Amino acid sequence: MEAQNQPPPVSPTSTADAQRPSLPVEAPVRPPLRARTVTADPLTADLRRLHVTVSRRFLEKLEAARAALSHSHAGASAEEILESGLDLLLERSAKRRGLVVRPRKPQPAAAPKNAAAAAAQPPQIASAYVPAHVKREVWTRDRGRCQWPLASGGVCGATLRLEIDHVIPRALGGPSTIGNTRLLCKTHNQLAARRSFGDEWMDRFTRIAAAHAERSG
């Protein structure tokens, strides 16, 4: 009877485990969300079946666009509505590049009437404005690709975030002409600026731009 009232013996291992501090349990790591991807399955030589995941907000905008185009595109399908929107984006991008259907001829600068008037004019400072005919020629000549030369030969060739760069910077008197401009991606455009003006000036310029963006936001 007395043996039944005694607690069971505790092994040394159990005692050590009880005295050992418990470690925090880490939460399971969630896999990162996959970015929305677009896949297209070929059906015929011209047709593709498009698979894309969209949000409810996108569908609401699609219906709003369908209603807005109901007069000019009555009964338009989702493809027709989306293609109309893409046409507008591409048209706006073409205007930014100067690639318009009927470009205006460049207007020559008015010449001074006499030598005295020419001498009285202040020295010309390179303008930040790039004429439309220059943009058009540069985009056509560079075929819409970054022209930064690579050490391995050839050029960068990027097609995203392209900007018109002045080979001789405007701040150093470089004109906005076809021969002095080229297409560069944003990364190489900033690298070209650092080579021309130095890291200290560019770092200061970057800080000012970031502070301005923060205040504006």
N, C-alpha and C. Protein backbone atom coordinates (compact mmCIF):
# COMPACT_ATOMS: atom_id res chain seq x y z
N MET A 1 0.83 -1.20 0.00
CA MET A 1 0.00 0.00 0.00
C MET A 1 0.86 1.25 0.00
N GLU A 2 1.92 1.24 0.84
CA GLU A 2 2.78 2.42 0.89
C GLU A 2 3.48 2.65 -0.42
N ALA A 3 3.86 1.57 -1.11
CA ALA A 3 4.55 1.73 -2.40
C ALA A 3 3.65 2.35 -3.43
N GLN A 4 2.32 2.12 -3.32
CA GLN A 4 1.43 2.71 -4.31
C GLN A 4 1.27 4.20 -4.13
N ASN A 5 1.45 4.72 -2.89
CA ASN A 5 1.29 6.16 -2.63
C ASN A 5 2.51 6.97 -3.01
N GLN A 6 3.64 6.35 -3.27
CA GLN A 6 4.86 7.09 -3.59
C GLN A 6 4.84 7.51 -5.06
N PRO A 7 5.35 8.73 -5.39
CA PRO A 7 5.38 9.18 -6.79
C PRO A 7 6.36 8.35 -7.59
N PRO A 8 6.12 8.20 -8.88
CA PRO A 8 7.03 7.40 -9.69
C PRO A 8 8.40 8.05 -9.77
N PRO A 9 9.42 7.27 -9.87
CA PRO A 9 10.78 7.84 -9.94
C PRO A 9 10.95 8.67 -11.20
N VAL A 10 11.72 9.76 -11.07
CA VAL A 10 11.99 10.67 -12.18
C VAL A 10 13.40 10.40 -12.69
N SER A 11 13.52 10.18 -13.95
CA SER A 11 14.83 9.87 -14.51
C SER A 11 15.66 11.14 -14.59
N PRO A 12 17.00 11.01 -14.52
CA PRO A 12 17.86 12.20 -14.64
C PRO A 12 17.62 12.96 -15.94
N THR A 13 17.31 12.22 -16.99
CA THR A 13 17.09 12.89 -18.27
C THR A 13 15.86 13.77 -18.22
N SER A 14 14.77 13.27 -17.56
CA SER A 14 13.54 14.06 -17.46
C SER A 14 13.76 15.30 -16.63
N THR A 15 14.56 15.18 -15.53
CA THR A 15 14.84 16.33 -14.68
C THR A 15 15.62 17.38 -15.45
N ALA A 16 16.60 16.95 -16.21
CA ALA A 16 17.40 17.91 -16.98
C ALA A 16 16.56 18.60 -18.02
N ASP A 17 15.64 17.85 -18.65
CA ASP A 17 14.78 18.47 -19.65
C ASP A 17 13.86 19.50 -19.04
N ALA A 18 13.38 19.23 -17.80
CA ALA A 18 12.48 20.16 -17.15
C ALA A 18 13.18 21.45 -16.76
N GLN A 19 14.48 21.35 -16.38
CA GLN A 19 15.23 22.54 -15.98
C GLN A 19 15.77 23.33 -17.18
N ARG A 20 15.80 22.71 -18.34
CA ARG A 20 16.35 23.38 -19.52
C ARG A 20 15.38 24.45 -19.99
N PRO A 21 15.84 25.69 -20.21
CA PRO A 21 14.92 26.75 -20.66
C PRO A 21 14.34 26.41 -22.02
N SER A 22 13.06 26.72 -22.16
CA SER A 22 12.38 26.42 -23.43
C SER A 22 12.76 27.47 -24.47
N LEU A 23 12.97 27.02 -25.69
CA LEU A 23 13.33 27.91 -26.79
C LEU A 23 12.06 28.47 -27.42
N PRO A 24 12.11 29.71 -27.86
CA PRO A 24 10.92 30.28 -28.51
C PRO A 24 10.62 29.54 -29.81
N VAL A 25 9.36 29.38 -30.05
CA VAL A 25 8.92 28.69 -31.26
C VAL A 25 8.80 29.70 -32.38
N GLU A 26 9.56 29.51 -33.44
CA GLU A 26 9.51 30.45 -34.55
C GLU A 26 8.28 30.19 -35.40
N ALA A 27 7.70 31.28 -35.87
CA ALA A 27 6.54 31.17 -36.75
C ALA A 27 6.99 30.61 -38.10
N PRO A 28 6.17 29.82 -38.71
CA PRO A 28 6.55 29.27 -40.01
C PRO A 28 6.74 30.38 -41.05
N VAL A 29 7.76 30.21 -41.86
CA VAL A 29 8.06 31.21 -42.88
C VAL A 29 7.11 31.01 -44.05
N ARG A 30 6.39 32.09 -44.39
CA ARG A 30 5.47 32.02 -45.51
C ARG A 30 6.22 32.22 -46.82
N PRO A 31 5.92 31.44 -47.79
CA PRO A 31 6.58 31.65 -49.08
C PRO A 31 6.15 32.98 -49.67
N PRO A 32 7.05 33.67 -50.37
CA PRO A 32 6.70 34.96 -50.96
C PRO A 32 5.60 34.79 -51.99
N LEU A 33 4.76 35.85 -52.06
CA LEU A 33 3.69 35.82 -53.04
C LEU A 33 4.27 35.90 -54.44
N ARG A 34 3.73 35.09 -55.32
CA ARG A 34 4.21 35.09 -56.70
C ARG A 34 3.63 36.29 -57.44
N ALA A 35 4.48 36.93 -58.21
CA ALA A 35 4.01 38.06 -59.00
C ALA A 35 3.04 37.59 -60.07
N ARG A 36 2.10 38.46 -60.40
CA ARG A 36 1.14 38.11 -61.43
C ARG A 36 1.86 37.95 -62.75
N THR A 37 1.63 36.85 -63.39
CA THR A 37 2.27 36.58 -64.67
C THR A 37 1.21 36.47 -65.74
N VAL A 38 1.63 36.73 -66.95
CA VAL A 38 0.75 36.64 -68.11
C VAL A 38 1.29 35.56 -69.02
N THR A 39 0.45 34.60 -69.35
CA THR A 39 0.84 33.54 -70.27
C THR A 39 -0.12 33.54 -71.44
N ALA A 40 0.39 33.18 -72.60
CA ALA A 40 -0.43 33.15 -73.81
C ALA A 40 -0.22 31.81 -74.50
N ASP A 41 -1.32 31.11 -74.73
CA ASP A 41 -1.28 29.82 -75.41
C ASP A 41 -1.64 30.03 -76.88
N PRO A 42 -0.80 29.56 -77.81
CA PRO A 42 -1.13 29.74 -79.23
C PRO A 42 -2.31 28.87 -79.63
N LEU A 43 -3.25 29.49 -80.34
CA LEU A 43 -4.39 28.76 -80.88
C LEU A 43 -4.27 28.58 -82.39
N THR A 44 -4.00 29.69 -83.07
CA THR A 44 -3.75 29.67 -84.51
C THR A 44 -2.53 30.53 -84.77
N ALA A 45 -2.24 30.77 -86.03
CA ALA A 45 -1.10 31.62 -86.37
C ALA A 45 -1.29 33.05 -85.87
N ASP A 46 -2.55 33.48 -85.69
CA ASP A 46 -2.82 34.86 -85.29
C ASP A 46 -3.45 34.98 -83.91
N LEU A 47 -4.10 33.94 -83.43
CA LEU A 47 -4.84 34.01 -82.18
C LEU A 47 -4.06 33.38 -81.04
N ARG A 48 -4.22 33.99 -79.86
CA ARG A 48 -3.63 33.47 -78.63
C ARG A 48 -4.70 33.50 -77.53
N ARG A 49 -4.65 32.53 -76.64
CA ARG A 49 -5.50 32.57 -75.45
C ARG A 49 -4.67 33.12 -74.30
N LEU A 50 -5.10 34.25 -73.75
CA LEU A 50 -4.35 34.96 -72.72
C LEU A 50 -4.85 34.57 -71.34
N HIS A 51 -3.91 34.21 -70.46
CA HIS A 51 -4.23 33.88 -69.07
C HIS A 51 -3.59 34.95 -68.18
N VAL A 52 -4.42 35.67 -67.46
CA VAL A 52 -3.90 36.73 -66.59
C VAL A 52 -4.79 36.81 -65.35
N THR A 53 -4.16 37.05 -64.21
CA THR A 53 -4.89 37.23 -62.96
C THR A 53 -5.05 38.72 -62.69
N VAL A 54 -6.28 39.15 -62.48
CA VAL A 54 -6.56 40.57 -62.28
C VAL A 54 -7.30 40.77 -60.96
N SER A 55 -7.32 42.01 -60.52
CA SER A 55 -8.01 42.36 -59.27
C SER A 55 -9.44 42.79 -59.56
N ARG A 56 -10.23 42.90 -58.51
CA ARG A 56 -11.59 43.40 -58.66
C ARG A 56 -11.58 44.85 -59.15
N ARG A 57 -10.60 45.61 -58.72
CA ARG A 57 -10.47 46.99 -59.17
C ARG A 57 -10.30 47.07 -60.68
N PHE A 58 -9.51 46.14 -61.21
CA PHE A 58 -9.30 46.10 -62.66
C PHE A 58 -10.62 45.83 -63.39
N LEU A 59 -11.39 44.88 -62.88
CA LEU A 59 -12.66 44.56 -63.53
C LEU A 59 -13.63 45.74 -63.48
N GLU A 60 -13.61 46.48 -62.37
CA GLU A 60 -14.47 47.66 -62.27
C GLU A 60 -14.07 48.71 -63.30
N LYS A 61 -12.76 48.88 -63.48
CA LYS A 61 -12.29 49.84 -64.49
C LYS A 61 -12.63 49.36 -65.90
N LEU A 62 -12.57 48.08 -66.11
CA LEU A 62 -12.91 47.54 -67.42
C LEU A 62 -14.37 47.81 -67.76
N GLU A 63 -15.26 47.63 -66.79
CA GLU A 63 -16.67 47.90 -67.03
C GLU A 63 -16.91 49.39 -67.22
N ALA A 64 -16.18 50.23 -66.46
CA ALA A 64 -16.32 51.68 -66.64
C ALA A 64 -15.85 52.10 -68.03
N ALA A 65 -14.78 51.49 -68.51
CA ALA A 65 -14.30 51.79 -69.86
C ALA A 65 -15.29 51.32 -70.91
N ARG A 66 -15.93 50.18 -70.68
CA ARG A 66 -16.94 49.68 -71.62
C ARG A 66 -18.11 50.67 -71.72
N ALA A 67 -18.51 51.22 -70.57
CA ALA A 67 -19.59 52.21 -70.59
C ALA A 67 -19.16 53.50 -71.27
N ALA A 68 -17.90 53.92 -71.04
CA ALA A 68 -17.42 55.16 -71.65
C ALA A 68 -17.31 55.05 -73.16
N LEU A 69 -17.06 53.85 -73.65
CA LEU A 69 -16.91 53.64 -75.10
C LEU A 69 -18.18 53.10 -75.74
N SER A 70 -19.28 53.14 -75.01
CA SER A 70 -20.50 52.52 -75.54
C SER A 70 -21.03 53.23 -76.78
N HIS A 71 -20.71 54.53 -76.95
CA HIS A 71 -21.18 55.25 -78.14
C HIS A 71 -20.33 54.92 -79.36
N SER A 72 -19.03 54.93 -79.20
CA SER A 72 -18.15 54.70 -80.36
C SER A 72 -17.82 53.22 -80.55
N HIS A 73 -17.92 52.41 -79.47
CA HIS A 73 -17.61 50.99 -79.57
C HIS A 73 -18.73 50.19 -78.91
N ALA A 74 -19.92 50.27 -79.47
CA ALA A 74 -21.07 49.58 -78.89
C ALA A 74 -20.84 48.06 -78.92
N GLY A 75 -21.07 47.43 -77.78
CA GLY A 75 -20.90 45.99 -77.69
C GLY A 75 -19.48 45.52 -77.83
N ALA A 76 -18.52 46.38 -77.48
CA ALA A 76 -17.11 46.02 -77.63
C ALA A 76 -16.74 44.91 -76.65
N SER A 77 -15.88 44.03 -77.11
CA SER A 77 -15.40 42.95 -76.25
C SER A 77 -14.29 43.48 -75.34
N ALA A 78 -13.90 42.65 -74.39
CA ALA A 78 -12.82 43.05 -73.49
C ALA A 78 -11.53 43.28 -74.28
N GLU A 79 -11.27 42.47 -75.29
CA GLU A 79 -10.07 42.66 -76.10
C GLU A 79 -10.08 44.00 -76.81
N GLU A 80 -11.24 44.38 -77.38
CA GLU A 80 -11.33 45.65 -78.10
C GLU A 80 -11.14 46.84 -77.17
N ILE A 81 -11.69 46.73 -75.96
CA ILE A 81 -11.54 47.83 -75.00
C ILE A 81 -10.08 47.96 -74.57
N LEU A 82 -9.45 46.83 -74.24
CA LEU A 82 -8.06 46.88 -73.82
C LEU A 82 -7.15 47.35 -74.96
N GLU A 83 -7.45 46.93 -76.18
CA GLU A 83 -6.62 47.36 -77.31
C GLU A 83 -6.76 48.85 -77.56
N SER A 84 -7.97 49.41 -77.34
CA SER A 84 -8.14 50.86 -77.47
C SER A 84 -7.29 51.61 -76.45
N GLY A 85 -7.26 51.07 -75.22
CA GLY A 85 -6.42 51.70 -74.21
C GLY A 85 -4.94 51.61 -74.54
N LEU A 86 -4.51 50.46 -75.07
CA LEU A 86 -3.11 50.31 -75.47
C LEU A 86 -2.76 51.25 -76.61
N ASP A 87 -3.70 51.46 -77.53
CA ASP A 87 -3.45 52.40 -78.63
C ASP A 87 -3.21 53.80 -78.10
N LEU A 88 -3.99 54.21 -77.10
CA LEU A 88 -3.80 55.54 -76.53
C LEU A 88 -2.44 55.66 -75.86
N LEU A 89 -2.04 54.63 -75.12
CA LEU A 89 -0.73 54.66 -74.46
C LEU A 89 0.40 54.74 -75.48
N LEU A 90 0.30 53.95 -76.54
CA LEU A 90 1.35 53.96 -77.56
C LEU A 90 1.38 55.28 -78.31
N GLU A 91 0.20 55.87 -78.54
CA GLU A 91 0.16 57.17 -79.22
C GLU A 91 0.80 58.25 -78.36
N ARG A 92 0.52 58.22 -77.05
CA ARG A 92 1.14 59.20 -76.16
C ARG A 92 2.65 59.01 -76.11
N SER A 93 3.10 57.74 -76.07
CA SER A 93 4.53 57.47 -76.07
C SER A 93 5.18 57.93 -77.37
N ALA A 94 4.50 57.73 -78.50
CA ALA A 94 5.05 58.17 -79.78
C ALA A 94 5.19 59.69 -79.83
N LYS A 95 4.21 60.41 -79.28
CA LYS A 95 4.31 61.87 -79.25
C LYS A 95 5.49 62.32 -78.40
N ARG A 96 5.71 61.61 -77.29
CA ARG A 96 6.85 61.97 -76.43
C ARG A 96 8.16 61.79 -77.17
N ARG A 97 8.21 60.81 -78.07
CA ARG A 97 9.43 60.55 -78.83
C ARG A 97 9.51 61.36 -80.12
N GLY A 98 8.44 62.12 -80.41
CA GLY A 98 8.42 62.87 -81.65
C GLY A 98 8.04 62.04 -82.85
N LEU A 99 7.54 60.82 -82.64
CA LEU A 99 7.18 59.93 -83.73
C LEU A 99 5.71 60.12 -84.08
N VAL A 100 5.39 61.27 -84.66
CA VAL A 100 4.02 61.59 -85.03
C VAL A 100 3.82 61.36 -86.52
N VAL A 101 2.56 61.26 -86.93
CA VAL A 101 2.27 60.96 -88.33
C VAL A 101 2.69 62.10 -89.24
N ARG A 102 2.35 63.32 -88.85
CA ARG A 102 2.70 64.49 -89.66
C ARG A 102 3.52 65.45 -88.81
N PRO A 103 4.82 65.20 -88.70
CA PRO A 103 5.64 66.07 -87.86
C PRO A 103 5.77 67.46 -88.46
N ARG A 104 5.84 68.45 -87.59
CA ARG A 104 6.05 69.82 -88.05
C ARG A 104 7.51 70.03 -88.41
N LYS A 105 7.71 70.83 -89.42
CA LYS A 105 9.08 71.12 -89.84
C LYS A 105 9.76 71.99 -88.80
N PRO A 106 11.02 71.72 -88.51
CA PRO A 106 11.72 72.56 -87.53
C PRO A 106 11.84 74.00 -88.03
N GLN A 107 11.58 74.93 -87.13
CA GLN A 107 11.64 76.34 -87.48
C GLN A 107 13.05 76.87 -87.21
N PRO A 108 13.70 77.47 -88.20
CA PRO A 108 15.04 78.02 -87.97
C PRO A 108 14.98 79.21 -87.02
N ALA A 109 16.03 79.37 -86.27
CA ALA A 109 16.10 80.51 -85.34
C ALA A 109 16.21 81.80 -86.12
N ALA A 110 15.53 82.83 -85.62
CA ALA A 110 15.55 84.13 -86.29
C ALA A 110 16.93 84.75 -86.18
N ALA A 111 17.47 85.14 -87.29
CA ALA A 111 18.81 85.74 -87.32
C ALA A 111 18.72 87.22 -86.96
N PRO A 112 19.70 87.77 -86.27
CA PRO A 112 19.69 89.20 -85.96
C PRO A 112 19.80 90.04 -87.23
N LYS A 113 19.24 91.23 -87.20
CA LYS A 113 19.17 92.08 -88.38
C LYS A 113 20.55 92.59 -88.80
N ASN A 114 21.44 92.80 -87.87
CA ASN A 114 22.76 93.33 -88.23
C ASN A 114 23.79 92.84 -87.21
N ALA A 115 25.04 93.15 -87.46
CA ALA A 115 26.11 92.69 -86.60
C ALA A 115 26.03 93.31 -85.21
N ALA A 116 25.58 94.57 -85.14
CA ALA A 116 25.48 95.22 -83.84
C ALA A 116 24.44 94.53 -82.97
N ALA A 117 23.33 94.12 -83.59
CA ALA A 117 22.29 93.42 -82.83
C ALA A 117 22.79 92.05 -82.38
N ALA A 118 23.58 91.40 -83.25
CA ALA A 118 24.13 90.11 -82.89
C ALA A 118 25.09 90.22 -81.72
N ALA A 119 25.92 91.27 -81.72
CA ALA A 119 26.87 91.45 -80.63
C ALA A 119 26.18 91.77 -79.32
N ALA A 120 24.99 92.40 -79.41
CA ALA A 120 24.29 92.79 -78.20
C ALA A 120 23.54 91.64 -77.56
N GLN A 121 23.35 90.54 -78.30
CA GLN A 121 22.63 89.41 -77.74
C GLN A 121 23.47 88.68 -76.70
N PRO A 122 22.85 88.20 -75.62
CA PRO A 122 23.61 87.43 -74.62
C PRO A 122 24.02 86.10 -75.19
N PRO A 123 25.07 85.48 -74.66
CA PRO A 123 25.49 84.17 -75.15
C PRO A 123 24.39 83.14 -74.96
N GLN A 124 24.26 82.24 -75.94
CA GLN A 124 23.22 81.23 -75.90
C GLN A 124 23.57 80.13 -74.91
N ILE A 125 22.62 79.79 -74.09
CA ILE A 125 22.77 78.70 -73.14
C ILE A 125 21.96 77.52 -73.63
N ALA A 126 22.54 76.34 -73.59
CA ALA A 126 21.86 75.16 -74.10
C ALA A 126 20.52 74.98 -73.40
N SER A 127 19.48 74.84 -74.18
CA SER A 127 18.13 74.69 -73.64
C SER A 127 17.86 73.24 -73.25
N ALA A 128 17.00 73.09 -72.23
CA ALA A 128 16.60 71.74 -71.84
C ALA A 128 15.60 71.15 -72.82
N TYR A 129 15.05 72.00 -73.68
CA TYR A 129 14.06 71.53 -74.65
C TYR A 129 14.76 70.81 -75.79
N VAL A 130 14.25 69.61 -76.11
CA VAL A 130 14.76 68.84 -77.24
C VAL A 130 13.69 68.89 -78.33
N PRO A 131 13.99 69.47 -79.49
CA PRO A 131 12.98 69.59 -80.54
C PRO A 131 12.43 68.24 -80.95
N ALA A 132 11.18 68.27 -81.43
CA ALA A 132 10.50 67.03 -81.80
C ALA A 132 11.22 66.31 -82.91
N HIS A 133 11.77 67.06 -83.89
CA HIS A 133 12.44 66.39 -85.01
C HIS A 133 13.73 65.71 -84.55
N VAL A 134 14.36 66.26 -83.49
CA VAL A 134 15.56 65.62 -82.94
C VAL A 134 15.17 64.32 -82.23
N LYS A 135 14.12 64.38 -81.42
CA LYS A 135 13.65 63.16 -80.75
C LYS A 135 13.32 62.08 -81.78
N ARG A 136 12.62 62.48 -82.83
CA ARG A 136 12.20 61.50 -83.83
C ARG A 136 13.40 60.84 -84.49
N GLU A 137 14.38 61.63 -84.88
CA GLU A 137 15.56 61.09 -85.55
C GLU A 137 16.38 60.21 -84.61
N VAL A 138 16.49 60.61 -83.34
CA VAL A 138 17.30 59.85 -82.38
C VAL A 138 16.64 58.51 -82.08
N TRP A 139 15.32 58.52 -81.86
CA TRP A 139 14.62 57.27 -81.59
C TRP A 139 14.70 56.32 -82.79
N THR A 140 14.62 56.89 -84.00
CA THR A 140 14.70 56.05 -85.19
C THR A 140 16.12 55.55 -85.40
N ARG A 141 17.09 56.41 -85.24
CA ARG A 141 18.49 56.02 -85.44
C ARG A 141 18.94 54.98 -84.44
N ASP A 142 18.58 55.16 -83.17
CA ASP A 142 19.00 54.24 -82.11
C ASP A 142 18.07 53.04 -81.97
N ARG A 143 17.03 52.99 -82.78
CA ARG A 143 16.10 51.84 -82.82
C ARG A 143 15.49 51.53 -81.45
N GLY A 144 15.26 52.57 -80.67
CA GLY A 144 14.60 52.39 -79.38
C GLY A 144 15.40 51.57 -78.39
N ARG A 145 16.73 51.67 -78.43
CA ARG A 145 17.58 50.88 -77.53
C ARG A 145 18.69 51.75 -76.94
N CYS A 146 19.09 51.39 -75.72
CA CYS A 146 20.16 52.12 -75.03
C CYS A 146 21.46 51.95 -75.81
N GLN A 147 22.16 53.07 -76.04
CA GLN A 147 23.38 53.08 -76.84
C GLN A 147 24.66 53.14 -76.01
N TRP A 148 24.57 52.82 -74.73
CA TRP A 148 25.78 52.86 -73.88
C TRP A 148 26.75 51.78 -74.34
N PRO A 149 28.00 52.16 -74.69
CA PRO A 149 28.97 51.16 -75.16
C PRO A 149 29.44 50.26 -74.03
N LEU A 150 29.53 48.98 -74.31
CA LEU A 150 29.98 48.00 -73.33
C LEU A 150 31.45 47.66 -73.57
N ALA A 151 32.15 47.31 -72.48
CA ALA A 151 33.56 46.97 -72.59
C ALA A 151 33.75 45.71 -73.42
N SER A 152 32.75 44.84 -73.40
CA SER A 152 32.85 43.59 -74.16
C SER A 152 32.52 43.77 -75.63
N GLY A 153 32.14 44.97 -76.02
CA GLY A 153 31.74 45.24 -77.39
C GLY A 153 30.25 45.40 -77.52
N GLY A 154 29.81 46.17 -78.51
CA GLY A 154 28.39 46.41 -78.68
C GLY A 154 27.87 47.45 -77.72
N VAL A 155 26.55 47.50 -77.59
CA VAL A 155 25.91 48.48 -76.72
C VAL A 155 24.99 47.77 -75.74
N CYS A 156 24.51 48.51 -74.75
CA CYS A 156 23.63 47.95 -73.72
C CYS A 156 22.39 47.34 -74.37
N GLY A 157 21.69 48.10 -75.20
CA GLY A 157 20.54 47.58 -75.92
C GLY A 157 19.26 47.49 -75.13
N ALA A 158 19.22 48.02 -73.90
CA ALA A 158 17.99 47.97 -73.10
C ALA A 158 16.88 48.77 -73.78
N THR A 159 15.66 48.34 -73.58
CA THR A 159 14.50 49.02 -74.18
C THR A 159 13.58 49.65 -73.15
N LEU A 160 13.91 49.53 -71.86
CA LEU A 160 13.06 50.06 -70.80
C LEU A 160 13.69 51.29 -70.16
N ARG A 161 12.84 52.21 -69.72
CA ARG A 161 13.24 53.44 -68.99
C ARG A 161 14.29 54.21 -69.79
N LEU A 162 14.02 54.40 -71.08
CA LEU A 162 14.97 55.10 -71.94
C LEU A 162 14.81 56.61 -71.79
N GLU A 163 15.92 57.31 -71.89
CA GLU A 163 15.95 58.77 -71.80
C GLU A 163 16.89 59.30 -72.87
N ILE A 164 16.63 60.53 -73.31
CA ILE A 164 17.52 61.18 -74.27
C ILE A 164 18.67 61.83 -73.50
N ASP A 165 19.87 61.42 -73.81
CA ASP A 165 21.07 61.91 -73.12
C ASP A 165 21.87 62.80 -74.06
N HIS A 166 22.45 63.84 -73.49
CA HIS A 166 23.36 64.71 -74.24
C HIS A 166 24.79 64.22 -74.06
N VAL A 167 25.46 63.88 -75.16
CA VAL A 167 26.84 63.40 -75.07
C VAL A 167 27.71 64.45 -74.40
N ILE A 168 27.64 65.68 -74.88
CA ILE A 168 28.21 66.82 -74.16
C ILE A 168 27.07 67.42 -73.35
N PRO A 169 27.11 67.37 -72.03
CA PRO A 169 25.96 67.79 -71.22
C PRO A 169 25.52 69.22 -71.53
N ARG A 170 24.24 69.48 -71.35
CA ARG A 170 23.71 70.83 -71.58
C ARG A 170 24.40 71.84 -70.68
N ALA A 171 24.68 71.42 -69.42
CA ALA A 171 25.32 72.35 -68.49
C ALA A 171 26.71 72.77 -68.95
N LEU A 172 27.31 71.98 -69.84
CA LEU A 172 28.63 72.31 -70.38
C LEU A 172 28.54 72.87 -71.79
N GLY A 173 27.33 73.27 -72.17
CA GLY A 173 27.16 73.91 -73.47
C GLY A 173 26.76 72.97 -74.59
N GLY A 174 26.47 71.71 -74.27
CA GLY A 174 26.10 70.76 -75.32
C GLY A 174 24.75 71.08 -75.91
N PRO A 175 24.63 71.13 -77.23
CA PRO A 175 23.36 71.48 -77.86
C PRO A 175 22.43 70.28 -77.97
N SER A 176 21.15 70.56 -78.14
CA SER A 176 20.16 69.50 -78.31
C SER A 176 20.02 69.18 -79.80
N THR A 177 21.09 68.65 -80.37
CA THR A 177 21.11 68.31 -81.78
C THR A 177 21.13 66.78 -81.93
N ILE A 178 20.90 66.34 -83.15
CA ILE A 178 20.89 64.90 -83.41
C ILE A 178 22.26 64.29 -83.12
N GLY A 179 23.33 64.99 -83.51
CA GLY A 179 24.66 64.46 -83.31
C GLY A 179 25.11 64.44 -81.86
N ASN A 180 24.50 65.27 -81.00
CA ASN A 180 24.92 65.34 -79.61
C ASN A 180 23.96 64.63 -78.67
N THR A 181 23.00 63.92 -79.18
CA THR A 181 22.04 63.22 -78.33
C THR A 181 22.01 61.74 -78.68
N ARG A 182 21.61 60.96 -77.71
CA ARG A 182 21.52 59.51 -77.88
C ARG A 182 20.53 58.96 -76.87
N LEU A 183 20.10 57.74 -77.07
CA LEU A 183 19.22 57.08 -76.13
C LEU A 183 20.05 56.31 -75.11
N LEU A 184 19.74 56.52 -73.83
CA LEU A 184 20.37 55.75 -72.75
C LEU A 184 19.28 55.30 -71.80
N CYS A 185 19.45 54.12 -71.22
CA CYS A 185 18.56 53.71 -70.14
C CYS A 185 18.88 54.56 -68.91
N LYS A 186 17.96 54.58 -67.95
CA LYS A 186 18.11 55.46 -66.80
C LYS A 186 19.41 55.19 -66.04
N THR A 187 19.78 53.92 -65.91
CA THR A 187 21.00 53.57 -65.18
C THR A 187 22.23 54.14 -65.86
N HIS A 188 22.35 53.97 -67.16
CA HIS A 188 23.52 54.46 -67.87
C HIS A 188 23.48 55.97 -68.05
N ASN A 189 22.29 56.56 -68.07
CA ASN A 189 22.21 58.02 -68.13
C ASN A 189 22.77 58.62 -66.85
N GLN A 190 22.45 58.02 -65.71
CA GLN A 190 22.99 58.51 -64.44
C GLN A 190 24.50 58.25 -64.36
N LEU A 191 24.95 57.14 -64.91
CA LEU A 191 26.39 56.85 -64.91
C LEU A 191 27.12 57.87 -65.77
N ALA A 192 26.55 58.25 -66.90
CA ALA A 192 27.17 59.27 -67.75
C ALA A 192 27.25 60.60 -67.02
N ALA A 193 26.22 60.95 -66.26
CA ALA A 193 26.23 62.19 -65.49
C ALA A 193 27.29 62.16 -64.41
N ARG A 194 27.47 61.02 -63.76
CA ARG A 194 28.50 60.91 -62.73
C ARG A 194 29.90 61.06 -63.33
N ARG A 195 30.09 60.54 -64.52
CA ARG A 195 31.40 60.69 -65.16
C ARG A 195 31.66 62.13 -65.56
N SER A 196 30.60 62.87 -65.87
CA SER A 196 30.77 64.26 -66.29
C SER A 196 30.89 65.21 -65.12
N PHE A 197 30.13 64.98 -64.04
CA PHE A 197 30.06 65.95 -62.95
C PHE A 197 30.61 65.44 -61.63
N GLY A 198 30.92 64.15 -61.53
CA GLY A 198 31.50 63.62 -60.31
C GLY A 198 30.45 63.08 -59.34
N ASP A 199 30.88 62.17 -58.48
CA ASP A 199 29.96 61.54 -57.54
C ASP A 199 29.44 62.51 -56.50
N GLU A 200 30.29 63.45 -56.04
CA GLU A 200 29.87 64.36 -54.97
C GLU A 200 28.69 65.21 -55.42
N TRP A 201 28.79 65.77 -56.62
CA TRP A 201 27.70 66.62 -57.12
C TRP A 201 26.45 65.79 -57.37
N MET A 202 26.60 64.59 -57.94
CA MET A 202 25.44 63.76 -58.24
C MET A 202 24.77 63.27 -56.96
N ASP A 203 25.58 62.95 -55.92
CA ASP A 203 24.99 62.53 -54.65
C ASP A 203 24.18 63.68 -54.04
N ARG A 204 24.71 64.88 -54.14
CA ARG A 204 23.97 66.04 -53.62
C ARG A 204 22.70 66.26 -54.42
N PHE A 205 22.77 66.13 -55.73
CA PHE A 205 21.61 66.28 -56.58
C PHE A 205 20.56 65.22 -56.26
N THR A 206 21.01 63.99 -56.02
CA THR A 206 20.09 62.89 -55.71
C THR A 206 19.39 63.13 -54.39
N ARG A 207 20.12 63.63 -53.39
CA ARG A 207 19.51 63.91 -52.09
C ARG A 207 18.47 65.01 -52.21
N ILE A 208 18.77 66.04 -52.99
CA ILE A 208 17.81 67.13 -53.17
C ILE A 208 16.55 66.64 -53.86
N ALA A 209 16.73 65.83 -54.90
CA ALA A 209 15.58 65.30 -55.62
C ALA A 209 14.73 64.40 -54.72
N ALA A 210 15.39 63.58 -53.89
CA ALA A 210 14.65 62.69 -52.99
C ALA A 210 13.88 63.49 -51.94
N ALA A 211 14.50 64.55 -51.42
CA ALA A 211 13.82 65.39 -50.43
C ALA A 211 12.61 66.10 -51.05
N HIS A 212 12.78 66.56 -52.29
CA HIS A 212 11.67 67.22 -52.97
C HIS A 212 10.53 66.24 -53.22
N ALA A 213 10.85 65.01 -53.61
CA ALA A 213 9.82 64.02 -53.84
C ALA A 213 9.09 63.67 -52.56
N GLU A 214 9.82 63.62 -51.44
CA GLU A 214 9.20 63.32 -50.14
C GLU A 214 8.25 64.43 -49.73
N ARG A 215 8.64 65.69 -49.95
CA ARG A 215 7.76 66.81 -49.60
C ARG A 215 6.53 66.83 -50.50
N SER A 216 6.73 66.51 -51.77
CA SER A 216 5.61 66.51 -52.70
C SER A 216 4.63 65.38 -52.40
N GLY A 217 5.19 64.23 -51.93
CA GLY A 217 4.34 63.10 -51.62
C GLY A 217 3.56 63.31 -50.35
